[in-house]
Amino acid sequence: MTSSASEPLHTADATSDTGHDADAATPGTGRKRPKPGERRVQILQALATMLEQPGAERITTAALAAQLEVSEAALYRHFASKAQMFEGLIEFIEQSIFGLVGQLGDREPDAAARSRKLVTLLLQFGEKNPGMTRVMVGDALVFENERLQQRMNLFFDKIESTLRQNLREAAVLTGTATPTVDAQADASVITAFCVGRLQRFARSGFKRPPTESLEHSLALLLPTEHL
């Protein structure tokens, strides 16, 4: 799994996993036993890689186990269910994006510029992580637990909320008569644009990059002369 905008895949509790794989070979077999937590990361990386296959259907634990050359039982020693595996991917998305959004808040004093950079980093993350994009837009969650889609919906609600705060700040500085109303409407449109670009990327078999003509799009959505 790769991302130019994030650290290598990890989950919050990855290092706390002290279980051992029964499928890991004993000394003398020539096969290295994964370190505690390492197998969890490998499972999530394999799941994300399988999601990168255009047109991939529902991924089963049997297929995932085969990809890793382990037993299904080995998967369940690290995750109680497949839903927990997807939650691990969602957690990675959340930590990666909102960690960068937090840095924008600390480093970029201009609210309009923060909004443009937020859109850019979100779409760049999706472009660099095709498998994650399928999770973000819900395509990979269709047959999974409903709470997973609800969590991704909340993710985009938070993106919209952050945009709304930025845009309201920018509107106040420019003396707009109705900064709160305008910011709310604009944030909704911009978030819909981001979701649409990510959906098109996933449903085109990753042939239409979400950052396509991005500067032109940002000029329409966030014209600097109006901010």
Protein backbone atom coordinates (compact mmCIF):
# COMPACT_ATOMS: atom_id res chain seq x y z
CA MET A 1 0.00 0.00 0.00
CA THR A 2 1.45 3.32 -0.98
CA SER A 3 0.68 6.94 -0.27
CA SER A 4 2.83 9.96 -0.90
CA ALA A 5 0.82 11.79 1.71
CA SER A 6 1.04 9.37 4.59
CA GLU A 7 3.20 7.03 6.62
CA PRO A 8 3.29 3.31 5.78
CA LEU A 9 0.09 1.47 6.71
CA HIS A 10 -0.41 1.07 10.41
CA THR A 11 -3.31 0.78 12.80
CA ALA A 12 -3.56 2.28 16.23
CA ASP A 13 -3.38 -1.05 18.02
CA ALA A 14 -1.04 -2.84 15.62
CA THR A 15 1.86 -3.04 18.07
CA SER A 16 -0.37 -4.31 20.85
CA ASP A 17 -1.01 -7.61 19.04
CA THR A 18 1.08 -10.20 20.82
CA GLY A 19 -0.50 -13.29 19.28
CA HIS A 20 1.51 -15.75 17.19
CA ASP A 21 0.64 -17.25 13.82
CA ALA A 22 0.29 -21.00 13.86
CA ASP A 23 1.15 -20.89 10.18
CA ALA A 24 4.49 -19.18 10.88
CA ALA A 25 7.24 -21.73 10.60
CA THR A 26 9.32 -22.87 13.54
CA PRO A 27 13.09 -22.30 13.59
CA GLY A 28 14.91 -24.28 10.96
CA THR A 29 12.17 -24.21 8.33
CA GLY A 30 13.61 -21.16 6.58
CA ARG A 31 10.45 -19.11 7.02
CA LYS A 32 10.61 -15.99 9.16
CA ARG A 33 8.02 -15.59 11.90
CA PRO A 34 6.31 -12.17 11.74
CA LYS A 35 6.92 -9.82 14.62
CA PRO A 36 3.99 -8.96 16.92
CA GLY A 37 1.59 -6.74 14.99
CA GLU A 38 3.39 -7.31 11.70
CA ARG A 39 0.88 -9.88 10.47
CA ARG A 40 -1.99 -7.45 11.05
CA VAL A 41 -0.30 -4.92 8.80
CA GLN A 42 0.35 -7.60 6.17
CA ILE A 43 -3.32 -8.59 6.20
CA LEU A 44 -4.47 -4.99 5.70
CA GLN A 45 -1.90 -4.42 2.95
CA ALA A 46 -3.06 -7.56 1.15
CA LEU A 47 -6.70 -6.50 1.44
CA ALA A 48 -5.93 -3.05 0.03
CA THR A 49 -3.93 -4.60 -2.82
CA MET A 50 -6.80 -6.91 -3.73
CA LEU A 51 -9.17 -3.93 -3.74
CA GLU A 52 -6.93 -2.28 -6.34
CA GLN A 53 -7.94 -4.84 -8.93
CA PRO A 54 -10.42 -3.09 -11.30
CA GLY A 55 -13.83 -4.68 -11.15
CA ALA A 56 -12.94 -6.86 -8.16
CA GLU A 57 -16.00 -8.50 -6.69
CA ARG A 58 -16.61 -9.09 -3.02
CA ILE A 59 -13.39 -10.19 -1.36
CA THR A 60 -13.74 -13.29 0.78
CA THR A 61 -11.56 -14.26 3.70
CA ALA A 62 -10.68 -17.43 1.77
CA ALA A 63 -9.30 -15.35 -1.12
CA LEU A 64 -7.47 -13.06 1.28
CA ALA A 65 -5.93 -16.03 3.09
CA ALA A 66 -4.83 -17.49 -0.25
CA GLN A 67 -3.24 -14.17 -1.19
CA LEU A 68 -1.19 -14.29 2.01
CA GLU A 69 -0.60 -18.04 1.82
CA VAL A 70 -2.00 -18.60 5.30
CA SER A 71 -5.10 -20.27 6.67
CA GLU A 72 -8.36 -18.44 7.29
CA ALA A 73 -7.94 -19.31 10.95
CA ALA A 74 -4.70 -17.33 10.92
CA LEU A 75 -6.60 -14.24 9.78
CA TYR A 76 -9.05 -14.56 12.64
CA ARG A 77 -6.25 -14.67 15.18
CA HIS A 78 -5.62 -11.03 14.30
CA PHE A 79 -9.10 -9.78 13.38
CA ALA A 80 -12.35 -11.01 14.88
CA SER A 81 -14.15 -10.49 11.58
CA LYS A 82 -13.71 -9.18 8.06
CA ALA A 83 -15.53 -6.05 9.18
CA GLN A 84 -12.65 -5.38 11.58
CA MET A 85 -10.23 -5.64 8.67
CA PHE A 86 -12.15 -2.97 6.79
CA GLU A 87 -12.25 -0.89 9.95
CA GLY A 88 -8.46 -1.09 9.99
CA LEU A 89 -8.37 0.36 6.47
CA ILE A 90 -10.85 3.08 7.38
CA GLU A 91 -8.80 3.96 10.44
CA PHE A 92 -5.74 4.33 8.22
CA ILE A 93 -7.67 6.65 5.90
CA GLU A 94 -8.91 8.75 8.81
CA GLN A 95 -5.53 9.03 10.48
CA SER A 96 -3.76 9.87 7.22
CA ILE A 97 -6.20 12.53 5.99
CA PHE A 98 -7.12 14.18 9.26
CA GLY A 99 -3.50 14.16 10.38
CA LEU A 100 -2.65 16.20 7.28
CA VAL A 101 -5.70 18.41 7.74
CA GLY A 102 -4.47 19.18 11.24
CA GLN A 103 -1.08 20.16 9.85
CA LEU A 104 -2.79 22.49 7.39
CA GLY A 105 -4.52 24.21 10.27
CA ASP A 106 -1.19 24.74 12.02
CA ARG A 107 0.86 25.78 9.00
CA GLU A 108 -1.49 27.60 6.63
CA PRO A 109 -2.92 30.85 8.04
CA ASP A 110 -4.97 31.63 4.93
CA ALA A 111 -8.37 29.93 5.18
CA ALA A 112 -8.98 29.92 1.42
CA ALA A 113 -5.61 28.31 0.77
CA ARG A 114 -6.38 25.69 3.44
CA SER A 115 -9.56 24.78 1.59
CA ARG A 116 -7.77 24.36 -1.72
CA LYS A 117 -5.01 22.30 -0.12
CA LEU A 118 -7.54 20.11 1.70
CA VAL A 119 -9.26 19.22 -1.58
CA THR A 120 -5.89 18.56 -3.20
CA LEU A 121 -4.55 16.28 -0.47
CA LEU A 122 -7.82 14.32 -0.31
CA LEU A 123 -7.84 13.62 -4.05
CA GLN A 124 -4.10 12.93 -4.14
CA PHE A 125 -4.50 10.39 -1.35
CA GLY A 126 -7.18 8.60 -3.32
CA GLU A 127 -5.08 8.63 -6.48
CA LYS A 128 -2.09 7.13 -4.70
CA ASN A 129 -4.21 4.53 -2.89
CA PRO A 130 -6.70 3.05 -5.39
CA GLY A 131 -7.81 0.28 -3.03
CA MET A 132 -8.53 2.84 -0.33
CA THR A 133 -10.59 4.85 -2.81
CA ARG A 134 -12.98 1.93 -3.24
CA VAL A 135 -13.45 1.94 0.53
CA MET A 136 -13.88 5.72 0.68
CA VAL A 137 -16.69 5.79 -1.90
CA GLY A 138 -18.34 2.67 -0.50
CA ASP A 139 -17.92 0.38 -3.51
CA ALA A 140 -15.93 -2.10 -1.43
CA LEU A 141 -18.44 -1.93 1.44
CA VAL A 142 -21.63 -2.86 -0.44
CA PHE A 143 -21.81 -6.39 0.97
CA GLU A 144 -20.19 -5.57 4.30
CA ASN A 145 -21.50 -4.43 7.68
CA GLU A 146 -23.62 -1.28 7.45
CA ARG A 147 -21.61 0.45 10.18
CA LEU A 148 -18.62 0.60 7.82
CA GLN A 149 -20.52 2.74 5.32
CA GLN A 150 -21.83 4.88 8.16
CA ARG A 151 -18.27 5.49 9.31
CA MET A 152 -17.21 6.59 5.82
CA ASN A 153 -20.25 8.87 5.65
CA LEU A 154 -19.07 10.44 8.89
CA PHE A 155 -15.60 10.86 7.37
CA PHE A 156 -16.98 13.01 4.56
CA ASP A 157 -19.21 14.88 7.02
CA LYS A 158 -16.04 15.87 8.85
CA ILE A 159 -14.40 16.93 5.60
CA GLU A 160 -17.42 19.11 4.81
CA SER A 161 -17.40 20.56 8.33
CA THR A 162 -13.73 21.49 8.02
CA LEU A 163 -14.34 23.13 4.65
CA ARG A 164 -17.31 25.01 6.07
CA GLN A 165 -15.20 26.42 8.91
CA ASN A 166 -12.45 27.47 6.51
CA LEU A 167 -14.85 29.07 4.04
CA ARG A 168 -16.74 30.92 6.74
CA GLU A 169 -13.47 32.34 8.04
CA ALA A 170 -12.53 33.46 4.53
CA ALA A 171 -15.99 34.95 3.92
CA VAL A 172 -15.89 36.95 7.15
CA LEU A 173 -12.55 38.46 6.17
CA THR A 174 -13.94 39.57 2.82
CA GLY A 175 -17.05 41.10 4.37
CA THR A 176 -19.61 38.73 2.86
CA ALA A 177 -23.14 39.55 4.04
CA THR A 178 -24.08 35.93 4.84
CA PRO A 179 -20.81 34.11 5.59
CA THR A 180 -22.35 31.15 7.44
CA VAL A 181 -24.99 30.40 4.80
CA ASP A 182 -22.56 30.83 1.92
CA ALA A 183 -19.91 28.67 3.59
CA GLN A 184 -22.40 25.89 4.24
CA ALA A 185 -23.59 25.82 0.63
CA ASP A 186 -20.08 26.03 -0.82
CA ALA A 187 -18.71 23.32 1.47
CA SER A 188 -21.51 20.98 0.42
CA VAL A 189 -20.78 21.50 -3.28
CA ILE A 190 -17.02 21.08 -2.86
CA THR A 191 -17.43 17.89 -0.82
CA ALA A 192 -19.77 16.48 -3.46
CA PHE A 193 -17.14 17.30 -6.09
CA CYS A 194 -14.50 15.37 -4.12
CA VAL A 195 -16.75 12.34 -3.68
CA GLY A 196 -17.68 12.45 -7.36
CA ARG A 197 -14.08 12.55 -8.48
CA LEU A 198 -13.18 9.61 -6.24
CA GLN A 199 -16.19 7.63 -7.45
CA ARG A 200 -15.30 8.26 -11.09
CA PHE A 201 -11.73 7.12 -10.39
CA ALA A 202 -12.90 3.85 -8.81
CA ARG A 203 -15.62 3.13 -11.37
CA SER A 204 -13.41 3.86 -14.36
CA GLY A 205 -11.10 1.07 -13.29
CA PHE A 206 -8.70 3.74 -11.97
CA LYS A 207 -8.25 5.23 -15.44
CA ARG A 208 -9.67 8.70 -14.67
CA PRO A 209 -7.44 10.25 -11.98
CA PRO A 210 -9.28 12.33 -9.39
CA THR A 211 -6.72 15.13 -9.78
CA GLU A 212 -7.44 15.51 -13.50
CA SER A 213 -7.57 19.25 -14.38
CA LEU A 214 -7.61 19.96 -10.67
CA GLU A 215 -6.31 23.53 -10.86
CA HIS A 216 -9.06 24.44 -13.30
CA SER A 217 -11.67 22.81 -11.08
CA LEU A 218 -10.39 24.59 -7.99
CA ALA A 219 -10.52 27.90 -9.82
CA LEU A 220 -14.24 27.30 -10.42
CA LEU A 221 -15.03 25.98 -6.96
CA LEU A 222 -12.79 28.29 -4.96
CA PRO A 223 -12.13 31.41 -7.06
CA THR A 224 -9.54 33.50 -5.24
CA GLU A 225 -11.15 36.78 -6.22
CA HIS A 226 -14.24 35.86 -4.21
CA LEU A 227 -12.45 34.61 -1.12
